[in-house]
Amino acid sequence: MAIRKSTMQEQVAQAIAQINPGDKPIVTIHTVTGPSPWLMDNLGLLGQAFVKYYFVTVTEQAVVFHKAGRMTARPKELVAAIPRAEAAGLVSDVRRKPLWSSLRFQLPGQPKPTRLNVGRYWRSELDQWVPAVTGAQAA
């Protein structure tokens, strides 16, 4: 089970290397979908049924989404790989907050943008991720 951020990032880099050996990760964030992590935690197991965990990585060529294991925090199957040129237009409503920052990302095949919540532990990576994708700083 990966607990350290560096271990999780290494595992994501290995998963990306298996998919596209010529691509290198720039920055990875761990996200939780759903309206609010606080609300979902208060709903207990019922709330956990409605959230998904992702590793979202900006690489030299794309923005890559991997499902993340709930218990192991390991990258699982590839969800989407969006070319970086297209990804900038798919990010909206970036909010940098003290504990849980959030942004919306329009995933392929989804009717509306997915809210991605990023915990404080991953804030420095979020501060690198947003400009790498959009070219603008996180507000």
Protein backbone atom coordinates (compact mmCIF):
# COMPACT_ATOMS: atom_id res chain seq x y z
CA MET A 1 0.00 0.00 0.00
CA ALA A 2 1.41 3.35 -1.04
CA ILE A 3 1.24 5.97 1.66
CA ARG A 4 4.04 8.33 0.72
CA LYS A 5 3.37 10.80 -2.06
CA SER A 6 6.68 9.99 -3.77
CA THR A 7 5.78 6.28 -3.89
CA MET A 8 2.39 7.06 -5.44
CA GLN A 9 4.04 9.32 -8.03
CA GLU A 10 6.56 6.59 -8.93
CA GLN A 11 3.75 4.06 -9.38
CA VAL A 12 1.86 6.47 -11.66
CA ALA A 13 5.05 7.10 -13.67
CA GLN A 14 5.46 3.33 -14.12
CA ALA A 15 1.84 3.00 -15.26
CA ILE A 16 2.36 5.78 -17.81
CA ALA A 17 5.60 4.17 -19.02
CA GLN A 18 3.69 0.93 -19.69
CA ILE A 19 1.12 2.78 -21.80
CA ASN A 20 3.49 5.15 -23.63
CA PRO A 21 7.20 4.54 -22.97
CA GLY A 22 8.20 7.79 -24.72
CA ASP A 23 6.08 10.03 -22.47
CA LYS A 24 7.31 11.45 -19.16
CA PRO A 25 5.15 12.73 -16.28
CA ILE A 26 5.51 16.37 -15.30
CA VAL A 27 3.16 16.55 -12.30
CA THR A 28 0.57 14.22 -10.73
CA ILE A 29 -2.32 14.99 -8.39
CA HIS A 30 -4.59 12.64 -6.46
CA THR A 31 -8.26 13.60 -6.63
CA VAL A 32 -11.62 12.59 -5.22
CA THR A 33 -14.80 13.25 -7.19
CA GLY A 34 -18.07 14.38 -5.67
CA PRO A 35 -19.65 17.52 -4.32
CA SER A 36 -17.59 17.91 -1.14
CA PRO A 37 -15.28 15.51 0.69
CA TRP A 38 -16.71 16.81 3.97
CA LEU A 39 -20.26 15.94 2.93
CA MET A 40 -19.28 12.54 1.53
CA ASP A 41 -17.37 11.66 4.73
CA ASN A 42 -20.42 12.54 6.83
CA LEU A 43 -22.53 10.15 4.76
CA GLY A 44 -20.15 7.28 5.62
CA LEU A 45 -20.19 4.19 3.40
CA LEU A 46 -23.18 5.48 1.49
CA GLY A 47 -21.24 8.62 0.54
CA GLN A 48 -18.21 6.57 -0.51
CA ALA A 49 -20.34 4.72 -3.05
CA PHE A 50 -20.72 7.97 -5.01
CA VAL A 51 -17.09 9.08 -5.19
CA LYS A 52 -14.25 7.98 -7.43
CA TYR A 53 -10.54 8.36 -6.86
CA TYR A 54 -8.20 9.39 -9.68
CA PHE A 55 -4.57 10.15 -10.32
CA VAL A 56 -4.46 12.96 -12.87
CA THR A 57 -1.08 13.44 -14.49
CA VAL A 58 0.21 16.07 -16.86
CA THR A 59 2.79 14.48 -19.14
CA GLU A 60 4.81 15.96 -21.97
CA GLN A 61 2.08 14.89 -24.41
CA ALA A 62 -1.23 14.54 -22.55
CA VAL A 63 -3.33 14.80 -19.42
CA VAL A 64 -3.78 11.23 -18.19
CA PHE A 65 -6.49 9.95 -15.82
CA HIS A 66 -5.95 6.67 -13.94
CA LYS A 67 -8.42 5.25 -11.48
CA ALA A 68 -6.86 5.06 -8.02
CA GLY A 69 -7.42 2.18 -5.64
CA ARG A 70 -9.55 3.13 -2.64
CA MET A 71 -7.56 1.06 -0.17
CA THR A 72 -4.16 0.79 -1.82
CA ALA A 73 -3.81 4.25 -3.45
CA ARG A 74 -2.25 2.57 -6.49
CA PRO A 75 -2.99 3.55 -10.06
CA LYS A 76 -5.38 1.15 -11.76
CA GLU A 77 -6.82 1.21 -15.27
CA LEU A 78 -6.47 4.12 -17.64
CA VAL A 79 -9.64 6.22 -17.82
CA ALA A 80 -8.64 8.86 -20.37
CA ALA A 81 -5.64 10.40 -22.09
CA ILE A 82 -6.37 13.85 -23.49
CA PRO A 83 -3.81 15.73 -25.62
CA ARG A 84 -2.46 18.75 -23.73
CA ALA A 85 -3.58 21.16 -26.44
CA GLU A 86 -7.20 20.05 -25.91
CA ALA A 87 -7.03 19.75 -22.12
CA ALA A 88 -6.67 23.49 -21.46
CA GLY A 89 -10.23 24.10 -22.67
CA LEU A 90 -11.64 21.29 -20.51
CA VAL A 91 -10.59 22.77 -17.13
CA SER A 92 -12.88 25.25 -15.36
CA ASP A 93 -13.80 26.66 -11.96
CA VAL A 94 -10.41 26.21 -10.24
CA ARG A 95 -10.74 27.01 -6.54
CA ARG A 96 -7.74 26.93 -4.22
CA LYS A 97 -8.94 26.54 -0.63
CA PRO A 98 -7.22 25.90 2.74
CA LEU A 99 -8.12 22.21 3.06
CA TRP A 100 -9.86 20.99 -0.10
CA SER A 101 -9.21 22.72 -3.40
CA SER A 102 -11.33 21.84 -6.41
CA LEU A 103 -11.61 22.16 -10.16
CA ARG A 104 -13.91 20.91 -12.85
CA PHE A 105 -12.71 18.83 -15.78
CA GLN A 106 -14.84 17.75 -18.74
CA LEU A 107 -14.04 14.06 -19.13
CA PRO A 108 -14.78 12.47 -22.51
CA GLY A 109 -18.21 10.86 -22.66
CA GLN A 110 -19.53 12.69 -19.59
CA PRO A 111 -22.53 15.04 -19.94
CA LYS A 112 -21.10 17.69 -17.61
CA PRO A 113 -17.73 18.53 -16.04
CA THR A 114 -16.58 16.32 -13.17
CA ARG A 115 -15.64 18.04 -9.93
CA LEU A 116 -12.17 16.97 -8.81
CA ASN A 117 -11.33 17.66 -5.15
CA VAL A 118 -7.65 17.93 -4.22
CA GLY A 119 -6.57 17.64 -0.60
CA ARG A 120 -4.08 19.94 1.11
CA TYR A 121 -1.44 17.18 0.98
CA TRP A 122 -1.37 17.58 -2.83
CA ARG A 123 -1.62 21.40 -2.97
CA SER A 124 1.94 22.05 -4.15
CA GLU A 125 1.34 19.64 -7.04
CA LEU A 126 -1.98 21.34 -7.82
CA ASP A 127 -0.13 24.67 -7.96
CA GLN A 128 2.09 23.14 -10.67
CA TRP A 129 -0.68 21.16 -12.39
CA VAL A 130 -3.04 24.08 -13.13
CA PRO A 131 -0.47 26.23 -14.99
CA ALA A 132 0.90 23.17 -16.80
CA VAL A 133 -2.57 22.46 -18.23
CA THR A 134 -4.16 25.90 -18.57
CA GLY A 135 -1.26 28.33 -18.58
CA ALA A 136 -2.93 30.27 -15.71
CA GLN A 137 -2.18 30.23 -11.99
CA ALA A 138 -4.59 28.64 -9.48
CA ALA A 139 -6.73 31.35 -7.83
